[in-house]
Amino acid sequence: MDQTTTAPHADLNRTAAQASIAVAALLLGMKVWAVISTGSTAMLGSLADTALDLVASMATLLGVWVAAQPDDHNHRFGHGKAEALAAMFQVVLISISAIGLAFRAVGQFLGNEQVAEAESGVIVSAIAMGATLALLAYQRHVIRQTNSLAISTDNVHYKSDLFLNLAVIAALVLEKYAGLKGSDAVFAFGIALWLAWGAWGASQEAIEQLMDHEWPIEKRERFLAVVAQHPELKGLHDLRTRTSGNRDFVQFHVWVDGRMTVTEAHRVMDEIEDKLMAEFPGIEILIHPDPEGLVDEAPIGAADLLTAGPEGESPALLAQGAPREAGA
């Protein structure tokens, strides 16, 4: 992989993770004071969430650090899945937090417990929202540059913090000033459900990476369109793709004129790789050349087989089904 691309991305990911840790540590201290002052379960939920933010951000920092390590003899495909593992660790923590908060909210509602005061909770939550907005803006910048799964998962969690802090403010105001008893417990239970939903959503992309899920069809079609531009390519089949961390891997078979020498076929492979590297920087490519018309495996779908059209035309996608002769 191109190290000139990887190193700046790794630095950005580490900086974003460190920023998350700093924000979480600041808010944790403030919310401890707010919980003691208010006795609010909703604020307790916010405190628990921030504590998990701190632990999860540390896991994110570790994940992006491991993912940025160069390939070695035991990890020939790199360490990109460390980001998915860090994301799954965050999901587990968020889920535990949601379950604990839900039980606490039900207990408070049934026990008719009331908050002591609201001012400190409102102030702390407002400050937390401001700090979170600043962090989210920086994380979005980093994600656009690096496409880091771990930072993306952290970003999803901090987005939920905005609603969580707003819910805490609403709960305290309704409970203490509007006289709506039980509002704090109801909002706390809603926060627990929100956290659980966020954990479910954040788990899906991590699972896809760990399971080596294929690229989205739009990305695969764009990939095939680039390959099809080479005039000496007779067809393509057995396309396999996956993503690990911020690295993409792809392998496929291509048809070339069976009368080509090894040197000529190698030149075609190099030219195809150059075009793909320009369109998909940092991609890992493995190409296997076949004589025209040979298919070792039946295609799985429409995006798995490319065949040459009439003479003078670029190769085109075949519909799903059994392979046919090139140019048919």
C-alpha atoms as a PDB file:
ATOM      1  CA  MET A   1       0.000   0.000   0.000  1.00  0.00           C
ATOM      2  CA  ASP A   2       1.172   3.571  -0.661  1.00  0.00           C
ATOM      3  CA  GLN A   3       2.812   4.654   2.604  1.00  0.00           C
ATOM      4  CA  THR A   4       2.665   8.313   1.617  1.00  0.00           C
ATOM      5  CA  THR A   5      -1.121   7.997   1.792  1.00  0.00           C
ATOM      6  CA  THR A   6      -1.241   5.798   4.897  1.00  0.00           C
ATOM      7  CA  ALA A   7       0.958   7.851   7.237  1.00  0.00           C
ATOM      8  CA  PRO A   8      -1.046  11.127   7.117  1.00  0.00           C
ATOM      9  CA  HIS A   9      -4.279   9.159   7.513  1.00  0.00           C
ATOM     10  CA  ALA A  10      -2.903   7.381  10.574  1.00  0.00           C
ATOM     11  CA  ASP A  11      -1.857  10.703  12.105  1.00  0.00           C
ATOM     12  CA  LEU A  12      -5.312  12.192  11.501  1.00  0.00           C
ATOM     13  CA  ASN A  13      -7.023   9.165  13.023  1.00  0.00           C
ATOM     14  CA  ARG A  14      -4.813   9.295  16.107  1.00  0.00           C
ATOM     15  CA  THR A  15      -5.438  13.020  16.547  1.00  0.00           C
ATOM     16  CA  ALA A  16      -9.208  12.515  16.267  1.00  0.00           C
ATOM     17  CA  ALA A  17      -9.092   9.725  18.853  1.00  0.00           C
ATOM     18  CA  GLN A  18      -7.029  11.895  21.201  1.00  0.00           C
ATOM     19  CA  ALA A  19      -9.526  14.748  20.788  1.00  0.00           C
ATOM     20  CA  SER A  20     -12.340  12.353  21.749  1.00  0.00           C
ATOM     21  CA  ILE A  21     -10.469  11.312  24.868  1.00  0.00           C
ATOM     22  CA  ALA A  22      -9.868  14.932  25.896  1.00  0.00           C
ATOM     23  CA  VAL A  23     -13.522  15.912  25.442  1.00  0.00           C
ATOM     24  CA  ALA A  24     -14.788  12.807  27.259  1.00  0.00           C
ATOM     25  CA  ALA A  25     -12.424  13.381  30.222  1.00  0.00           C
ATOM     26  CA  LEU A  26     -13.535  17.028  30.554  1.00  0.00           C
ATOM     27  CA  LEU A  27     -17.234  16.175  30.428  1.00  0.00           C
ATOM     28  CA  LEU A  28     -16.859  13.237  32.791  1.00  0.00           C
ATOM     29  CA  GLY A  29     -15.642  15.457  35.625  1.00  0.00           C
ATOM     30  CA  MET A  30     -18.394  17.998  35.026  1.00  0.00           C
ATOM     31  CA  LYS A  31     -21.146  15.377  34.939  1.00  0.00           C
ATOM     32  CA  VAL A  32     -20.000  13.711  38.150  1.00  0.00           C
ATOM     33  CA  TRP A  33     -20.585  17.044  39.876  1.00  0.00           C
ATOM     34  CA  ALA A  34     -23.941  17.467  38.111  1.00  0.00           C
ATOM     35  CA  VAL A  35     -25.188  14.001  39.174  1.00  0.00           C
ATOM     36  CA  ILE A  36     -24.263  14.673  42.790  1.00  0.00           C
ATOM     37  CA  SER A  37     -26.008  18.053  42.660  1.00  0.00           C
ATOM     38  CA  THR A  38     -29.216  16.994  40.904  1.00  0.00           C
ATOM     39  CA  GLY A  39     -29.784  13.348  41.770  1.00  0.00           C
ATOM     40  CA  SER A  40     -31.149  12.990  38.219  1.00  0.00           C
ATOM     41  CA  THR A  41     -31.277   9.539  36.618  1.00  0.00           C
ATOM     42  CA  ALA A  42     -31.231  11.130  33.172  1.00  0.00           C
ATOM     43  CA  MET A  43     -28.032  12.930  34.146  1.00  0.00           C
ATOM     44  CA  LEU A  44     -26.710   9.646  35.558  1.00  0.00           C
ATOM     45  CA  GLY A  45     -27.361   8.113  32.151  1.00  0.00           C
ATOM     46  CA  SER A  46     -25.471  10.958  30.528  1.00  0.00           C
ATOM     47  CA  LEU A  47     -22.599  10.414  32.984  1.00  0.00           C
ATOM     48  CA  ALA A  48     -22.512   6.684  32.233  1.00  0.00           C
ATOM     49  CA  ASP A  49     -22.512   7.428  28.524  1.00  0.00           C
ATOM     50  CA  THR A  50     -19.620   9.866  28.882  1.00  0.00           C
ATOM     51  CA  ALA A  51     -17.656   7.369  30.979  1.00  0.00           C
ATOM     52  CA  LEU A  52     -18.143   4.828  28.209  1.00  0.00           C
ATOM     53  CA  ASP A  53     -17.153   7.488  25.684  1.00  0.00           C
ATOM     54  CA  LEU A  54     -13.835   7.814  27.484  1.00  0.00           C
ATOM     55  CA  VAL A  55     -13.185   4.065  27.545  1.00  0.00           C
ATOM     56  CA  ALA A  56     -14.399   3.647  23.955  1.00  0.00           C
ATOM     57  CA  SER A  57     -12.240   6.534  22.730  1.00  0.00           C
ATOM     58  CA  MET A  58      -9.217   4.875  24.330  1.00  0.00           C
ATOM     59  CA  ALA A  59     -10.153   1.674  22.500  1.00  0.00           C
ATOM     60  CA  THR A  60     -10.494   3.709  19.297  1.00  0.00           C
ATOM     61  CA  LEU A  61      -7.026   5.186  19.787  1.00  0.00           C
ATOM     62  CA  LEU A  62      -5.600   1.704  20.270  1.00  0.00           C
ATOM     63  CA  GLY A  63      -7.537   0.406  17.259  1.00  0.00           C
ATOM     64  CA  VAL A  64      -6.380   3.089  14.835  1.00  0.00           C
ATOM     65  CA  TRP A  65      -2.811   2.741  16.126  1.00  0.00           C
ATOM     66  CA  VAL A  66      -2.790  -1.014  15.502  1.00  0.00           C
ATOM     67  CA  ALA A  67      -4.540  -0.609  12.133  1.00  0.00           C
ATOM     68  CA  ALA A  68      -1.839   1.837  11.016  1.00  0.00           C
ATOM     69  CA  GLN A  69       0.981  -0.635  11.638  1.00  0.00           C
ATOM     70  CA  PRO A  70       2.716  -1.808   8.449  1.00  0.00           C
ATOM     71  CA  ASP A  71       2.252  -5.312   7.087  1.00  0.00           C
ATOM     72  CA  ASP A  72       4.466  -7.962   8.660  1.00  0.00           C
ATOM     73  CA  HIS A  73       5.184 -11.637   8.039  1.00  0.00           C
ATOM     74  CA  ASN A  74       2.257 -12.684  10.268  1.00  0.00           C
ATOM     75  CA  HIS A  75      -0.200 -10.082   8.905  1.00  0.00           C
ATOM     76  CA  ARG A  76       0.383  -9.916   5.165  1.00  0.00           C
ATOM     77  CA  PHE A  77      -2.933  -8.101   4.620  1.00  0.00           C
ATOM     78  CA  GLY A  78      -2.192  -5.472   7.250  1.00  0.00           C
ATOM     79  CA  HIS A  79      -3.929  -4.812  10.579  1.00  0.00           C
ATOM     80  CA  GLY A  80      -7.010  -2.970   9.302  1.00  0.00           C
ATOM     81  CA  LYS A  81      -9.502  -5.195  11.124  1.00  0.00           C
ATOM     82  CA  ALA A  82      -8.266  -3.786  14.425  1.00  0.00           C
ATOM     83  CA  GLU A  83     -10.578  -0.833  13.705  1.00  0.00           C
ATOM     84  CA  ALA A  84     -13.573  -3.152  13.362  1.00  0.00           C
ATOM     85  CA  LEU A  85     -12.641  -4.865  16.635  1.00  0.00           C
ATOM     86  CA  ALA A  86     -12.370  -1.471  18.360  1.00  0.00           C
ATOM     87  CA  ALA A  87     -15.794  -0.554  16.957  1.00  0.00           C
ATOM     88  CA  MET A  88     -17.306  -3.796  18.274  1.00  0.00           C
ATOM     89  CA  PHE A  89     -15.791  -3.122  21.698  1.00  0.00           C
ATOM     90  CA  GLN A  90     -17.559   0.233  21.687  1.00  0.00           C
ATOM     91  CA  VAL A  91     -20.821  -1.463  20.711  1.00  0.00           C
ATOM     92  CA  VAL A  92     -20.572  -3.828  23.692  1.00  0.00           C
ATOM     93  CA  LEU A  93     -19.929  -0.942  26.087  1.00  0.00           C
ATOM     94  CA  ILE A  94     -22.845   1.091  24.699  1.00  0.00           C
ATOM     95  CA  SER A  95     -25.163  -1.916  25.009  1.00  0.00           C
ATOM     96  CA  ILE A  96     -24.198  -2.508  28.653  1.00  0.00           C
ATOM     97  CA  SER A  97     -24.754   1.169  29.392  1.00  0.00           C
ATOM     98  CA  ALA A  98     -28.201   1.093  27.771  1.00  0.00           C
ATOM     99  CA  ILE A  99     -29.328  -1.955  29.765  1.00  0.00           C
ATOM    100  CA  GLY A 100     -28.090  -0.553  33.087  1.00  0.00           C
ATOM    101  CA  LEU A 101     -29.693   2.825  32.463  1.00  0.00           C
ATOM    102  CA  ALA A 102     -33.026   1.250  31.521  1.00  0.00           C
ATOM    103  CA  PHE A 103     -33.144  -0.696  34.800  1.00  0.00           C
ATOM    104  CA  ARG A 104     -32.248   2.438  36.797  1.00  0.00           C
ATOM    105  CA  ALA A 105     -34.952   4.469  35.037  1.00  0.00           C
ATOM    106  CA  VAL A 106     -37.632   1.867  35.755  1.00  0.00           C
ATOM    107  CA  GLY A 107     -36.580   1.736  39.401  1.00  0.00           C
ATOM    108  CA  GLN A 108     -36.735   5.516  39.717  1.00  0.00           C
ATOM    109  CA  PHE A 109     -40.177   5.680  38.093  1.00  0.00           C
ATOM    110  CA  LEU A 110     -41.663   2.934  40.270  1.00  0.00           C
ATOM    111  CA  GLY A 111     -40.059   4.376  43.396  1.00  0.00           C
ATOM    112  CA  ASN A 112     -41.340   7.895  42.598  1.00  0.00           C
ATOM    113  CA  GLU A 113     -37.856   9.376  43.150  1.00  0.00           C
ATOM    114  CA  GLN A 114     -37.455  13.102  42.444  1.00  0.00           C
ATOM    115  CA  VAL A 115     -34.528  15.248  41.324  1.00  0.00           C
ATOM    116  CA  ALA A 116     -32.981  17.596  43.897  1.00  0.00           C
ATOM    117  CA  GLU A 117     -32.282  20.595  41.633  1.00  0.00           C
ATOM    118  CA  ALA A 118     -31.931  21.310  37.924  1.00  0.00           C
ATOM    119  CA  GLU A 119     -29.657  24.314  37.344  1.00  0.00           C
ATOM    120  CA  SER A 120     -26.288  22.536  37.456  1.00  0.00           C
ATOM    121  CA  GLY A 121     -27.547  19.751  35.214  1.00  0.00           C
ATOM    122  CA  VAL A 122     -28.836  22.189  32.603  1.00  0.00           C
ATOM    123  CA  ILE A 123     -25.585  24.178  32.589  1.00  0.00           C
ATOM    124  CA  VAL A 124     -23.364  21.092  32.322  1.00  0.00           C
ATOM    125  CA  SER A 125     -25.510  19.598  29.543  1.00  0.00           C
ATOM    126  CA  ALA A 126     -25.364  22.856  27.559  1.00  0.00           C
ATOM    127  CA  ILE A 127     -21.567  22.972  27.859  1.00  0.00           C
ATOM    128  CA  ALA A 128     -21.412  19.308  26.835  1.00  0.00           C
ATOM    129  CA  MET A 129     -23.440  20.030  23.699  1.00  0.00           C
ATOM    130  CA  GLY A 130     -21.066  22.825  22.675  1.00  0.00           C
ATOM    131  CA  ALA A 131     -17.972  20.650  23.192  1.00  0.00           C
ATOM    132  CA  THR A 132     -19.592  17.739  21.348  1.00  0.00           C
ATOM    133  CA  LEU A 133     -20.498  19.893  18.332  1.00  0.00           C
ATOM    134  CA  ALA A 134     -16.872  21.015  18.029  1.00  0.00           C
ATOM    135  CA  LEU A 135     -15.628  17.430  18.266  1.00  0.00           C
ATOM    136  CA  LEU A 136     -18.154  16.183  15.683  1.00  0.00           C
ATOM    137  CA  ALA A 137     -17.037  18.825  13.199  1.00  0.00           C
ATOM    138  CA  TYR A 138     -13.419  17.747  13.531  1.00  0.00           C
ATOM    139  CA  GLN A 139     -14.312  14.051  13.314  1.00  0.00           C
ATOM    140  CA  ARG A 140     -16.263  14.642  10.090  1.00  0.00           C
ATOM    141  CA  HIS A 141     -13.181  16.305   8.607  1.00  0.00           C
ATOM    142  CA  VAL A 142     -11.024  13.305   9.559  1.00  0.00           C
ATOM    143  CA  ILE A 143     -13.553  10.755   8.253  1.00  0.00           C
ATOM    144  CA  ARG A 144     -13.679  12.517   4.878  1.00  0.00           C
ATOM    145  CA  GLN A 145      -9.895  12.191   4.663  1.00  0.00           C
ATOM    146  CA  THR A 146      -9.362   8.675   6.062  1.00  0.00           C
ATOM    147  CA  ASN A 147     -12.700   6.811   5.935  1.00  0.00           C
ATOM    148  CA  SER A 148     -11.808   5.279   9.311  1.00  0.00           C
ATOM    149  CA  LEU A 149     -14.427   2.844  10.662  1.00  0.00           C
ATOM    150  CA  ALA A 150     -13.345   3.332  14.276  1.00  0.00           C
ATOM    151  CA  ILE A 151     -13.609   7.129  14.043  1.00  0.00           C
ATOM    152  CA  SER A 152     -16.940   6.774  12.194  1.00  0.00           C
ATOM    153  CA  THR A 153     -18.316   4.632  15.025  1.00  0.00           C
ATOM    154  CA  ASP A 154     -17.055   7.149  17.573  1.00  0.00           C
ATOM    155  CA  ASN A 155     -18.733   9.897  15.535  1.00  0.00           C
ATOM    156  CA  VAL A 156     -22.078   8.048  15.607  1.00  0.00           C
ATOM    157  CA  HIS A 157     -21.852   7.742  19.373  1.00  0.00           C
ATOM    158  CA  TYR A 158     -21.072  11.422  19.872  1.00  0.00           C
ATOM    159  CA  LYS A 159     -23.962  12.364  17.585  1.00  0.00           C
ATOM    160  CA  SER A 160     -26.241  10.521  19.980  1.00  0.00           C
ATOM    161  CA  ASP A 161     -24.685  12.542  22.810  1.00  0.00           C
ATOM    162  CA  LEU A 162     -26.222  15.708  21.365  1.00  0.00           C
ATOM    163  CA  PHE A 163     -29.718  14.270  21.682  1.00  0.00           C
ATOM    164  CA  LEU A 164     -28.841  12.728  25.026  1.00  0.00           C
ATOM    165  CA  ASN A 165     -27.770  16.055  26.523  1.00  0.00           C
ATOM    166  CA  LEU A 166     -30.819  17.769  25.051  1.00  0.00           C
ATOM    167  CA  ALA A 167     -33.003  15.072  26.601  1.00  0.00           C
ATOM    168  CA  VAL A 168     -31.356  15.636  29.987  1.00  0.00           C
ATOM    169  CA  ILE A 169     -32.136  19.357  29.795  1.00  0.00           C
ATOM    170  CA  ALA A 170     -35.757  18.623  28.831  1.00  0.00           C
ATOM    171  CA  ALA A 171     -36.115  16.070  31.627  1.00  0.00           C
ATOM    172  CA  LEU A 172     -34.781  18.425  34.297  1.00  0.00           C
ATOM    173  CA  VAL A 173     -36.881  21.365  33.125  1.00  0.00           C
ATOM    174  CA  LEU A 174     -40.087  19.324  32.939  1.00  0.00           C
ATOM    175  CA  GLU A 175     -39.461  17.584  36.257  1.00  0.00           C
ATOM    176  CA  LYS A 176     -38.365  20.573  38.310  1.00  0.00           C
ATOM    177  CA  TYR A 177     -40.030  23.593  36.719  1.00  0.00           C
ATOM    178  CA  ALA A 178     -43.088  22.228  34.898  1.00  0.00           C
ATOM    179  CA  GLY A 179     -44.039  19.923  37.761  1.00  0.00           C
ATOM    180  CA  LEU A 180     -44.340  16.819  35.546  1.00  0.00           C
ATOM    181  CA  LYS A 181     -43.328  14.097  37.992  1.00  0.00           C
ATOM    182  CA  GLY A 182     -41.591  11.082  36.494  1.00  0.00           C
ATOM    183  CA  SER A 183     -40.277  13.032  33.489  1.00  0.00           C
ATOM    184  CA  ASP A 184     -36.674  12.382  34.486  1.00  0.00           C
ATOM    185  CA  ALA A 185     -37.217   8.608  34.600  1.00  0.00           C
ATOM    186  CA  VAL A 186     -39.152   8.566  31.327  1.00  0.00           C
ATOM    187  CA  PHE A 187     -36.455  10.531  29.502  1.00  0.00           C
ATOM    188  CA  ALA A 188     -33.777   8.311  31.033  1.00  0.00           C
ATOM    189  CA  PHE A 189     -35.532   5.224  29.667  1.00  0.00           C
ATOM    190  CA  GLY A 190     -35.791   6.900  26.261  1.00  0.00           C
ATOM    191  CA  ILE A 191     -32.059   7.632  26.375  1.00  0.00           C
ATOM    192  CA  ALA A 192     -31.432   3.942  27.096  1.00  0.00           C
ATOM    193  CA  LEU A 193     -33.459   2.945  24.029  1.00  0.00           C
ATOM    194  CA  TRP A 194     -31.570   5.507  21.920  1.00  0.00           C
ATOM    195  CA  LEU A 195     -28.242   4.095  23.061  1.00  0.00           C
ATOM    196  CA  ALA A 196     -29.353   0.553  22.257  1.00  0.00           C
ATOM    197  CA  TRP A 197     -30.462   1.594  18.758  1.00  0.00           C
ATOM    198  CA  GLY A 198     -27.155   3.371  18.184  1.00  0.00           C
ATOM    199  CA  ALA A 199     -25.241   0.265  19.292  1.00  0.00           C
ATOM    200  CA  TRP A 200     -27.175  -1.878  16.822  1.00  0.00           C
ATOM    201  CA  GLY A 201     -26.517   0.486  13.930  1.00  0.00           C
ATOM    202  CA  ALA A 202     -22.828   0.869  14.762  1.00  0.00           C
ATOM    203  CA  SER A 203     -22.363  -2.900  14.875  1.00  0.00           C
ATOM    204  CA  GLN A 204     -23.497  -3.522  11.301  1.00  0.00           C
ATOM    205  CA  GLU A 205     -20.568  -1.991   9.408  1.00  0.00           C
ATOM    206  CA  ALA A 206     -18.044  -3.533  11.807  1.00  0.00           C
ATOM    207  CA  ILE A 207     -19.595  -6.964  11.284  1.00  0.00           C
ATOM    208  CA  GLU A 208     -19.480  -6.495   7.505  1.00  0.00           C
ATOM    209  CA  GLN A 209     -15.757  -5.796   7.655  1.00  0.00           C
ATOM    210  CA  LEU A 210     -15.050  -8.726   9.963  1.00  0.00           C
ATOM    211  CA  MET A 211     -17.040 -10.988   7.623  1.00  0.00           C
ATOM    212  CA  ASP A 212     -15.235  -9.681   4.487  1.00  0.00           C
ATOM    213  CA  HIS A 213     -18.429  -8.350   2.935  1.00  0.00           C
ATOM    214  CA  GLU A 214     -18.259  -7.413  -0.762  1.00  0.00           C
ATOM    215  CA  TRP A 215     -18.087  -3.752  -1.798  1.00  0.00           C
ATOM    216  CA  PRO A 216     -21.379  -1.970  -2.487  1.00  0.00           C
ATOM    217  CA  ILE A 217     -22.616  -2.646  -6.037  1.00  0.00           C
ATOM    218  CA  GLU A 218     -22.124   1.013  -7.050  1.00  0.00           C
ATOM    219  CA  LYS A 219     -18.442   0.866  -6.107  1.00  0.00           C
ATOM    220  CA  ARG A 220     -17.954  -2.432  -7.912  1.00  0.00           C
ATOM    221  CA  GLU A 221     -19.579  -1.065 -11.050  1.00  0.00           C
ATOM    222  CA  ARG A 222     -17.299   1.978 -10.949  1.00  0.00           C
ATOM    223  CA  PHE A 223     -14.338  -0.381 -10.571  1.00  0.00           C
ATOM    224  CA  LEU A 224     -15.418  -2.437 -13.585  1.00  0.00           C
ATOM    225  CA  ALA A 225     -15.940   0.702 -15.650  1.00  0.00           C
ATOM    226  CA  VAL A 226     -12.278   1.648 -15.105  1.00  0.00           C
ATOM    227  CA  VAL A 227     -11.052  -1.852 -16.014  1.00  0.00           C
ATOM    228  CA  ALA A 228     -13.197  -1.867 -19.170  1.00  0.00           C
ATOM    229  CA  GLN A 229     -11.308   1.106 -20.581  1.00  0.00           C
ATOM    230  CA  HIS A 230      -8.266  -0.998 -21.528  1.00  0.00           C
ATOM    231  CA  PRO A 231      -8.463  -1.816 -25.276  1.00  0.00           C
ATOM    232  CA  GLU A 232      -6.638  -5.171 -24.999  1.00  0.00           C
ATOM    233  CA  LEU A 233      -8.856  -6.564 -22.264  1.00  0.00           C
ATOM    234  CA  LYS A 234     -11.177  -9.257 -23.611  1.00  0.00           C
ATOM    235  CA  GLY A 235     -13.190  -9.850 -20.434  1.00  0.00           C
ATOM    236  CA  LEU A 236     -13.204 -10.122 -16.646  1.00  0.00           C
ATOM    237  CA  HIS A 237     -14.656 -12.667 -14.221  1.00  0.00           C
ATOM    238  CA  ASP A 238     -14.398 -14.023 -10.663  1.00  0.00           C
ATOM    239  CA  LEU A 239     -14.257 -10.522  -9.133  1.00  0.00           C
ATOM    240  CA  ARG A 240     -13.819 -10.597  -5.347  1.00  0.00           C
ATOM    241  CA  THR A 241     -13.637  -7.507  -3.140  1.00  0.00           C
ATOM    242  CA  ARG A 242     -13.382  -6.645   0.535  1.00  0.00           C
ATOM    243  CA  THR A 243     -12.456  -3.795   2.866  1.00  0.00           C
ATOM    244  CA  SER A 244     -10.254  -3.957   5.962  1.00  0.00           C
ATOM    245  CA  GLY A 245      -9.988  -0.745   7.977  1.00  0.00           C
ATOM    246  CA  ASN A 246      -9.330   1.998   5.436  1.00  0.00           C
ATOM    247  CA  ARG A 247      -7.788  -0.393   2.906  1.00  0.00           C
ATOM    248  CA  ASP A 248      -9.523  -2.021  -0.058  1.00  0.00           C
ATOM    249  CA  PHE A 249      -8.582  -5.410  -1.477  1.00  0.00           C
ATOM    250  CA  VAL A 250      -9.660  -6.805  -4.847  1.00  0.00           C
ATOM    251  CA  GLN A 251      -8.794  -9.826  -6.964  1.00  0.00           C
ATOM    252  CA  PHE A 252     -10.111 -10.937 -10.336  1.00  0.00           C
ATOM    253  CA  HIS A 253      -9.378 -12.898 -13.514  1.00  0.00           C
ATOM    254  CA  VAL A 254      -9.066 -11.214 -16.914  1.00  0.00           C
ATOM    255  CA  TRP A 255      -9.271 -12.545 -20.442  1.00  0.00           C
ATOM    256  CA  VAL A 256      -6.479 -11.614 -22.829  1.00  0.00           C
ATOM    257  CA  ASP A 257      -5.535 -12.814 -26.272  1.00  0.00           C
ATOM    258  CA  GLY A 258      -4.253 -16.370 -25.806  1.00  0.00           C
ATOM    259  CA  ARG A 259      -1.488 -15.722 -28.322  1.00  0.00           C
ATOM    260  CA  MET A 260       0.106 -13.041 -26.109  1.00  0.00           C
ATOM    261  CA  THR A 261       3.523 -13.696 -24.623  1.00  0.00           C
ATOM    262  CA  VAL A 262       3.954 -13.601 -20.842  1.00  0.00           C
ATOM    263  CA  THR A 263       5.715 -10.256 -21.226  1.00  0.00           C
ATOM    264  CA  GLU A 264       2.848  -8.770 -23.238  1.00  0.00           C
ATOM    265  CA  ALA A 265       0.228 -10.047 -20.780  1.00  0.00           C
ATOM    266  CA  HIS A 266       2.260  -8.631 -17.897  1.00  0.00           C
ATOM    267  CA  ARG A 267       2.317  -5.231 -19.599  1.00  0.00           C
ATOM    268  CA  VAL A 268      -1.499  -5.288 -19.887  1.00  0.00           C
ATOM    269  CA  MET A 269      -1.811  -6.202 -16.182  1.00  0.00           C
ATOM    270  CA  ASP A 270       0.485  -3.318 -15.210  1.00  0.00           C
ATOM    271  CA  GLU A 271      -1.516  -0.843 -17.304  1.00  0.00           C
ATOM    272  CA  ILE A 272      -4.796  -1.999 -15.751  1.00  0.00           C
ATOM    273  CA  GLU A 273      -3.294  -1.685 -12.265  1.00  0.00           C
ATOM    274  CA  ASP A 274      -2.058   1.844 -12.985  1.00  0.00           C
ATOM    275  CA  LYS A 275      -5.537   2.958 -14.055  1.00  0.00           C
ATOM    276  CA  LEU A 276      -7.137   1.371 -10.988  1.00  0.00           C
ATOM    277  CA  MET A 277      -4.572   2.847  -8.587  1.00  0.00           C
ATOM    278  CA  ALA A 278      -5.282   6.308  -9.988  1.00  0.00           C
ATOM    279  CA  GLU A 279      -9.025   5.891  -9.383  1.00  0.00           C
ATOM    280  CA  PHE A 280      -8.777   3.909  -6.106  1.00  0.00           C
ATOM    281  CA  PRO A 281      -5.612   5.122  -4.285  1.00  0.00           C
ATOM    282  CA  GLY A 282      -4.011   2.608  -1.934  1.00  0.00           C
ATOM    283  CA  ILE A 283      -5.973  -0.378  -3.227  1.00  0.00           C
ATOM    284  CA  GLU A 284      -4.393  -3.853  -3.075  1.00  0.00           C
ATOM    285  CA  ILE A 285      -4.870  -5.625  -6.428  1.00  0.00           C
ATOM    286  CA  LEU A 286      -4.343  -9.233  -7.471  1.00  0.00           C
ATOM    287  CA  ILE A 287      -4.957 -10.041 -11.173  1.00  0.00           C
ATOM    288  CA  HIS A 288      -4.905 -13.490 -12.761  1.00  0.00           C
ATOM    289  CA  PRO A 289      -4.686 -13.568 -16.593  1.00  0.00           C
ATOM    290  CA  ASP A 290      -6.604 -16.226 -18.537  1.00  0.00           C
ATOM    291  CA  PRO A 291      -6.717 -16.982 -22.277  1.00  0.00           C
ATOM    292  CA  GLU A 292      -9.799 -15.468 -23.836  1.00  0.00           C
ATOM    293  CA  GLY A 293     -13.038 -17.360 -23.094  1.00  0.00           C
ATOM    294  CA  LEU A 294     -11.771 -19.444 -20.146  1.00  0.00           C
ATOM    295  CA  VAL A 295     -13.888 -19.218 -16.942  1.00  0.00           C
ATOM    296  CA  ASP A 296     -12.735 -21.228 -13.920  1.00  0.00           C
ATOM    297  CA  GLU A 297     -15.818 -20.398 -11.811  1.00  0.00           C
ATOM    298  CA  ALA A 298     -19.396 -19.512 -12.701  1.00  0.00           C
ATOM    299  CA  PRO A 299     -20.215 -15.839 -11.978  1.00  0.00           C
ATOM    300  CA  ILE A 300     -22.240 -15.021  -8.860  1.00  0.00           C
ATOM    301  CA  GLY A 301     -23.998 -11.977 -10.272  1.00  0.00           C
ATOM    302  CA  ALA A 302     -24.079  -9.269 -12.886  1.00  0.00           C
ATOM    303  CA  ALA A 303     -21.061  -7.460 -11.497  1.00  0.00           C
ATOM    304  CA  ASP A 304     -18.874 -10.578 -11.649  1.00  0.00           C
ATOM    305  CA  LEU A 305     -18.489 -10.946 -15.401  1.00  0.00           C
ATOM    306  CA  LEU A 306     -17.329  -8.479 -18.002  1.00  0.00           C
ATOM    307  CA  THR A 307     -17.075  -9.471 -21.640  1.00  0.00           C
ATOM    308  CA  ALA A 308     -15.780  -7.845 -24.798  1.00  0.00           C
ATOM    309  CA  GLY A 309     -18.384  -6.384 -27.135  1.00  0.00           C
ATOM    310  CA  PRO A 310     -18.192  -6.192 -30.910  1.00  0.00           C
ATOM    311  CA  GLU A 311     -14.815  -5.295 -32.351  1.00  0.00           C
ATOM    312  CA  GLY A 312     -13.802  -1.733 -31.538  1.00  0.00           C
ATOM    313  CA  GLU A 313     -16.111  -1.424 -28.519  1.00  0.00           C
ATOM    314  CA  SER A 314     -15.185  -1.452 -24.844  1.00  0.00           C
ATOM    315  CA  PRO A 315     -16.024  -4.528 -22.733  1.00  0.00           C
ATOM    316  CA  ALA A 316     -19.508  -4.498 -21.228  1.00  0.00           C
ATOM    317  CA  LEU A 317     -21.247  -6.117 -18.271  1.00  0.00           C
ATOM    318  CA  LEU A 318     -23.133  -9.353 -18.809  1.00  0.00           C
ATOM    319  CA  ALA A 319     -26.465 -10.011 -17.153  1.00  0.00           C
ATOM    320  CA  GLN A 320     -26.601 -12.579 -14.385  1.00  0.00           C
ATOM    321  CA  GLY A 321     -26.417 -16.145 -15.621  1.00  0.00           C
ATOM    322  CA  ALA A 322     -24.044 -18.645 -17.107  1.00  0.00           C
ATOM    323  CA  PRO A 323     -20.971 -17.221 -18.827  1.00  0.00           C
ATOM    324  CA  ARG A 324     -20.951 -16.939 -22.586  1.00  0.00           C
ATOM    325  CA  GLU A 325     -18.174 -16.677 -25.104  1.00  0.00           C
ATOM    326  CA  ALA A 326     -16.433 -13.307 -25.288  1.00  0.00           C
ATOM    327  CA  GLY A 327     -17.906 -11.120 -27.970  1.00  0.00           C
ATOM    328  CA  ALA A 328     -21.051 -13.273 -28.323  1.00  0.00           C
END
